[in-house]
Amino acid sequence: MTNSLYSDDELIQQKSIQQSLQEIAVQIGHPIDKEAAEQLYQSASDLLNHTTPAPITLARVAATLLVYQLQDTAGDELEWFKSQIKQCSDDEEVEELIESMHRIDAL
């Protein structure tokens, strides 16, 4: 029934992102099941519900959540990330946030 809420393109995008999450997890050495990939996708979608995210932005947020989950990151760091995403007004700000996190980690 929930599938009727999404267009065919949106369902294809969702499945593609979820499959990518599973592939990334395998490459990292921590496979996840379909349900975990669905939950990550839904969490990313919920975080971005105040915007109309491009598929790549949605995928990057979901992948970031995956990394936080697999690294068993402290709850306060995860909550910080989520609060920052909720404050972003568009894809560009989300992308800048994610890029800035990578630059910090590289230092």
N, C-alpha and C. Protein backbone atom coordinates (compact mmCIF):
# COMPACT_ATOMS: atom_id res chain seq x y z
N MET A 1 0.81 -1.19 0.00
CA MET A 1 0.00 0.00 0.00
C MET A 1 0.86 1.27 0.00
N THR A 2 1.95 1.25 0.75
CA THR A 2 2.81 2.43 0.77
C THR A 2 3.46 2.66 -0.58
N ASN A 3 3.62 1.59 -1.37
CA ASN A 3 4.24 1.76 -2.68
C ASN A 3 3.43 2.67 -3.58
N SER A 4 2.12 2.76 -3.39
CA SER A 4 1.30 3.62 -4.23
C SER A 4 1.59 5.09 -3.97
N LEU A 5 2.27 5.40 -2.87
CA LEU A 5 2.62 6.78 -2.56
C LEU A 5 3.82 7.25 -3.37
N TYR A 6 4.52 6.33 -4.00
CA TYR A 6 5.74 6.65 -4.72
C TYR A 6 5.57 6.36 -6.20
N SER A 7 6.21 7.17 -7.03
CA SER A 7 6.21 6.91 -8.47
C SER A 7 7.17 5.75 -8.75
N ASP A 8 7.09 5.23 -9.95
CA ASP A 8 8.01 4.15 -10.34
C ASP A 8 9.45 4.61 -10.25
N ASP A 9 9.71 5.85 -10.68
CA ASP A 9 11.07 6.39 -10.61
C ASP A 9 11.56 6.47 -9.17
N GLU A 10 10.70 6.88 -8.26
CA GLU A 10 11.09 6.98 -6.85
C GLU A 10 11.37 5.59 -6.27
N LEU A 11 10.58 4.61 -6.66
CA LEU A 11 10.81 3.24 -6.17
C LEU A 11 12.14 2.69 -6.72
N ILE A 12 12.41 2.98 -7.98
CA ILE A 12 13.68 2.53 -8.57
C ILE A 12 14.85 3.20 -7.85
N GLN A 13 14.71 4.50 -7.59
CA GLN A 13 15.75 5.24 -6.86
C GLN A 13 15.95 4.65 -5.47
N GLN A 14 14.87 4.39 -4.77
CA GLN A 14 14.95 3.84 -3.42
C GLN A 14 15.67 2.49 -3.43
N LYS A 15 15.28 1.61 -4.31
CA LYS A 15 15.89 0.28 -4.38
C LYS A 15 17.37 0.38 -4.77
N SER A 16 17.68 1.30 -5.67
CA SER A 16 19.07 1.48 -6.10
C SER A 16 19.94 1.96 -4.94
N ILE A 17 19.45 2.92 -4.20
CA ILE A 17 20.21 3.44 -3.05
C ILE A 17 20.37 2.35 -1.99
N GLN A 18 19.30 1.61 -1.74
CA GLN A 18 19.39 0.55 -0.73
C GLN A 18 20.38 -0.53 -1.16
N GLN A 19 20.37 -0.88 -2.43
CA GLN A 19 21.32 -1.88 -2.93
C GLN A 19 22.75 -1.34 -2.80
N SER A 20 22.95 -0.08 -3.12
CA SER A 20 24.28 0.53 -2.99
C SER A 20 24.76 0.50 -1.55
N LEU A 21 23.86 0.77 -0.62
CA LEU A 21 24.22 0.72 0.80
C LEU A 21 24.68 -0.68 1.19
N GLN A 22 23.98 -1.69 0.70
CA GLN A 22 24.37 -3.06 1.00
C GLN A 22 25.74 -3.38 0.39
N GLU A 23 25.99 -2.91 -0.82
CA GLU A 23 27.28 -3.15 -1.47
C GLU A 23 28.41 -2.44 -0.74
N ILE A 24 28.17 -1.21 -0.31
CA ILE A 24 29.19 -0.47 0.45
C ILE A 24 29.50 -1.21 1.74
N ALA A 25 28.47 -1.67 2.43
CA ALA A 25 28.66 -2.38 3.70
C ALA A 25 29.49 -3.65 3.49
N VAL A 26 29.25 -4.36 2.40
CA VAL A 26 30.03 -5.56 2.10
C VAL A 26 31.49 -5.17 1.84
N GLN A 27 31.71 -4.10 1.08
CA GLN A 27 33.07 -3.66 0.79
C GLN A 27 33.82 -3.25 2.06
N ILE A 28 33.09 -2.69 3.01
CA ILE A 28 33.70 -2.28 4.28
C ILE A 28 33.95 -3.49 5.18
N GLY A 29 33.30 -4.60 4.87
CA GLY A 29 33.47 -5.81 5.66
C GLY A 29 32.43 -5.99 6.74
N HIS A 30 31.32 -5.25 6.64
CA HIS A 30 30.22 -5.35 7.60
C HIS A 30 28.90 -5.42 6.84
N PRO A 31 28.61 -6.57 6.23
CA PRO A 31 27.38 -6.68 5.44
C PRO A 31 26.13 -6.33 6.26
N ILE A 32 25.16 -5.73 5.58
CA ILE A 32 23.87 -5.44 6.21
C ILE A 32 22.78 -6.12 5.39
N ASP A 33 21.66 -6.40 6.03
CA ASP A 33 20.57 -7.03 5.31
C ASP A 33 19.66 -5.98 4.68
N LYS A 34 18.68 -6.46 3.94
CA LYS A 34 17.77 -5.59 3.21
C LYS A 34 17.03 -4.65 4.16
N GLU A 35 16.62 -5.17 5.31
CA GLU A 35 15.87 -4.36 6.27
C GLU A 35 16.72 -3.22 6.82
N ALA A 36 17.98 -3.48 7.08
CA ALA A 36 18.88 -2.43 7.57
C ALA A 36 19.07 -1.35 6.50
N ALA A 37 19.19 -1.77 5.25
CA ALA A 37 19.34 -0.81 4.15
C ALA A 37 18.06 0.02 4.01
N GLU A 38 16.91 -0.62 4.16
CA GLU A 38 15.64 0.11 4.10
C GLU A 38 15.55 1.13 5.22
N GLN A 39 15.99 0.76 6.42
CA GLN A 39 15.94 1.67 7.56
C GLN A 39 16.87 2.86 7.36
N LEU A 40 18.06 2.61 6.84
CA LEU A 40 19.00 3.71 6.56
C LEU A 40 18.42 4.67 5.52
N TYR A 41 17.82 4.10 4.48
CA TYR A 41 17.19 4.94 3.45
C TYR A 41 16.08 5.78 4.06
N GLN A 42 15.25 5.14 4.86
CA GLN A 42 14.13 5.86 5.47
C GLN A 42 14.62 6.95 6.43
N SER A 43 15.66 6.66 7.18
CA SER A 43 16.22 7.65 8.10
C SER A 43 16.75 8.86 7.33
N ALA A 44 17.46 8.60 6.24
CA ALA A 44 17.98 9.69 5.41
C ALA A 44 16.83 10.49 4.80
N SER A 45 15.85 9.79 4.32
CA SER A 45 14.68 10.45 3.73
C SER A 45 13.97 11.33 4.76
N ASP A 46 13.82 10.81 5.97
CA ASP A 46 13.17 11.57 7.04
C ASP A 46 13.98 12.82 7.38
N LEU A 47 15.31 12.69 7.42
CA LEU A 47 16.16 13.84 7.74
C LEU A 47 16.05 14.93 6.68
N LEU A 48 15.77 14.52 5.46
CA LEU A 48 15.73 15.47 4.34
C LEU A 48 14.31 15.84 3.93
N ASN A 49 13.34 15.49 4.76
CA ASN A 49 11.94 15.70 4.36
C ASN A 49 11.56 17.17 4.23
N HIS A 50 12.38 18.05 4.72
CA HIS A 50 12.11 19.49 4.60
C HIS A 50 12.67 20.08 3.31
N THR A 51 13.32 19.23 2.51
CA THR A 51 13.88 19.65 1.22
C THR A 51 13.38 18.70 0.14
N THR A 52 13.76 18.97 -1.07
CA THR A 52 13.51 18.04 -2.18
C THR A 52 14.89 17.59 -2.65
N PRO A 53 15.42 16.56 -1.99
CA PRO A 53 16.81 16.19 -2.27
C PRO A 53 16.99 15.51 -3.62
N ALA A 54 18.13 15.78 -4.22
CA ALA A 54 18.54 15.03 -5.40
C ALA A 54 18.88 13.61 -4.95
N PRO A 55 18.72 12.64 -5.83
CA PRO A 55 19.04 11.27 -5.45
C PRO A 55 20.44 11.10 -4.87
N ILE A 56 21.42 11.81 -5.45
CA ILE A 56 22.80 11.68 -4.96
C ILE A 56 22.92 12.21 -3.53
N THR A 57 22.21 13.27 -3.22
CA THR A 57 22.27 13.82 -1.86
C THR A 57 21.63 12.85 -0.88
N LEU A 58 20.50 12.30 -1.24
CA LEU A 58 19.85 11.31 -0.39
C LEU A 58 20.77 10.11 -0.17
N ALA A 59 21.41 9.67 -1.24
CA ALA A 59 22.33 8.53 -1.13
C ALA A 59 23.52 8.86 -0.23
N ARG A 60 24.06 10.06 -0.34
CA ARG A 60 25.22 10.44 0.48
C ARG A 60 24.85 10.53 1.96
N VAL A 61 23.66 11.05 2.25
CA VAL A 61 23.23 11.11 3.65
C VAL A 61 23.03 9.69 4.19
N ALA A 62 22.40 8.83 3.41
CA ALA A 62 22.21 7.44 3.83
C ALA A 62 23.55 6.74 4.04
N ALA A 63 24.50 6.98 3.16
CA ALA A 63 25.83 6.36 3.29
C ALA A 63 26.55 6.89 4.53
N THR A 64 26.38 8.16 4.82
CA THR A 64 27.00 8.73 6.03
C THR A 64 26.39 8.09 7.27
N LEU A 65 25.08 7.90 7.26
CA LEU A 65 24.44 7.21 8.39
C LEU A 65 24.96 5.78 8.52
N LEU A 66 25.19 5.13 7.39
CA LEU A 66 25.74 3.77 7.40
C LEU A 66 27.11 3.76 8.07
N VAL A 67 27.96 4.70 7.69
CA VAL A 67 29.30 4.76 8.28
C VAL A 67 29.21 5.01 9.78
N TYR A 68 28.35 5.94 10.18
CA TYR A 68 28.18 6.18 11.61
C TYR A 68 27.75 4.89 12.33
N GLN A 69 26.83 4.17 11.72
CA GLN A 69 26.33 2.92 12.32
C GLN A 69 27.43 1.87 12.40
N LEU A 70 28.17 1.68 11.32
CA LEU A 70 29.19 0.64 11.28
C LEU A 70 30.38 0.96 12.18
N GLN A 71 30.65 2.24 12.35
CA GLN A 71 31.76 2.64 13.23
C GLN A 71 31.31 2.73 14.67
N ASP A 72 30.03 2.46 14.91
CA ASP A 72 29.47 2.55 16.26
C ASP A 72 29.84 3.90 16.89
N THR A 73 29.60 4.95 16.12
CA THR A 73 29.92 6.32 16.52
C THR A 73 29.11 6.72 17.74
N ALA A 74 29.72 7.51 18.59
CA ALA A 74 29.04 8.00 19.79
C ALA A 74 27.73 8.68 19.41
N GLY A 75 26.72 8.47 20.22
CA GLY A 75 25.40 9.01 19.97
C GLY A 75 25.36 10.51 19.78
N ASP A 76 26.20 11.23 20.52
CA ASP A 76 26.18 12.69 20.39
C ASP A 76 26.70 13.14 19.02
N GLU A 77 27.64 12.42 18.44
CA GLU A 77 28.12 12.76 17.10
C GLU A 77 27.04 12.52 16.06
N LEU A 78 26.33 11.41 16.20
CA LEU A 78 25.25 11.10 15.28
C LEU A 78 24.13 12.14 15.41
N GLU A 79 23.80 12.50 16.61
CA GLU A 79 22.76 13.51 16.83
C GLU A 79 23.19 14.86 16.28
N TRP A 80 24.47 15.19 16.41
CA TRP A 80 24.98 16.43 15.83
C TRP A 80 24.77 16.42 14.32
N PHE A 81 25.15 15.32 13.66
CA PHE A 81 25.00 15.20 12.22
C PHE A 81 23.53 15.37 11.82
N LYS A 82 22.66 14.68 12.51
CA LYS A 82 21.24 14.77 12.19
C LYS A 82 20.71 16.19 12.37
N SER A 83 21.12 16.85 13.43
CA SER A 83 20.64 18.22 13.65
C SER A 83 21.17 19.16 12.59
N GLN A 84 22.41 18.94 12.14
CA GLN A 84 22.98 19.77 11.08
C GLN A 84 22.22 19.58 9.77
N ILE A 85 21.89 18.35 9.45
CA ILE A 85 21.14 18.06 8.22
C ILE A 85 19.78 18.75 8.27
N LYS A 86 19.13 18.68 9.41
CA LYS A 86 17.81 19.31 9.55
C LYS A 86 17.87 20.82 9.39
N GLN A 87 19.03 21.41 9.63
CA GLN A 87 19.18 22.87 9.50
C GLN A 87 19.51 23.29 8.07
N CYS A 88 19.90 22.36 7.23
CA CYS A 88 20.24 22.68 5.85
C CYS A 88 18.97 22.99 5.07
N SER A 89 19.02 24.06 4.28
CA SER A 89 17.83 24.47 3.56
C SER A 89 17.71 23.86 2.16
N ASP A 90 18.81 23.30 1.65
CA ASP A 90 18.77 22.71 0.31
C ASP A 90 19.91 21.70 0.13
N ASP A 91 19.91 21.08 -1.04
CA ASP A 91 20.94 20.08 -1.36
C ASP A 91 22.35 20.63 -1.24
N GLU A 92 22.52 21.84 -1.70
CA GLU A 92 23.86 22.43 -1.70
C GLU A 92 24.42 22.51 -0.28
N GLU A 93 23.60 22.93 0.66
CA GLU A 93 24.06 23.01 2.05
C GLU A 93 24.35 21.62 2.62
N VAL A 94 23.53 20.63 2.26
CA VAL A 94 23.77 19.26 2.71
C VAL A 94 25.10 18.76 2.16
N GLU A 95 25.32 18.98 0.88
CA GLU A 95 26.57 18.55 0.25
C GLU A 95 27.77 19.25 0.88
N GLU A 96 27.65 20.54 1.15
CA GLU A 96 28.75 21.28 1.80
C GLU A 96 29.03 20.71 3.20
N LEU A 97 27.99 20.37 3.93
CA LEU A 97 28.17 19.78 5.25
C LEU A 97 28.94 18.47 5.16
N ILE A 98 28.51 17.61 4.26
CA ILE A 98 29.17 16.31 4.12
C ILE A 98 30.62 16.49 3.68
N GLU A 99 30.86 17.40 2.74
CA GLU A 99 32.23 17.66 2.30
C GLU A 99 33.08 18.20 3.44
N SER A 100 32.51 19.08 4.25
CA SER A 100 33.28 19.65 5.36
C SER A 100 33.64 18.58 6.38
N MET A 101 32.80 17.60 6.55
CA MET A 101 33.10 16.49 7.46
C MET A 101 34.28 15.69 6.96
N HIS A 102 34.36 15.49 5.67
CA HIS A 102 35.48 14.75 5.09
C HIS A 102 36.78 15.52 5.24
N ARG A 103 36.71 16.83 5.09
CA ARG A 103 37.92 17.65 5.24
C ARG A 103 38.41 17.61 6.68
N ILE A 104 37.50 17.66 7.64
CA ILE A 104 37.88 17.61 9.05
C ILE A 104 38.54 16.27 9.37
N ASP A 105 37.92 15.17 8.86
CA ASP A 105 38.47 13.85 9.12
C ASP A 105 39.85 13.68 8.51
N ALA A 106 40.11 14.36 7.40
CA ALA A 106 41.41 14.24 6.74
C ALA A 106 42.51 14.94 7.51
N LEU A 107 42.13 15.90 8.35
CA LEU A 107 43.14 16.63 9.12
C LEU A 107 43.60 15.76 10.23
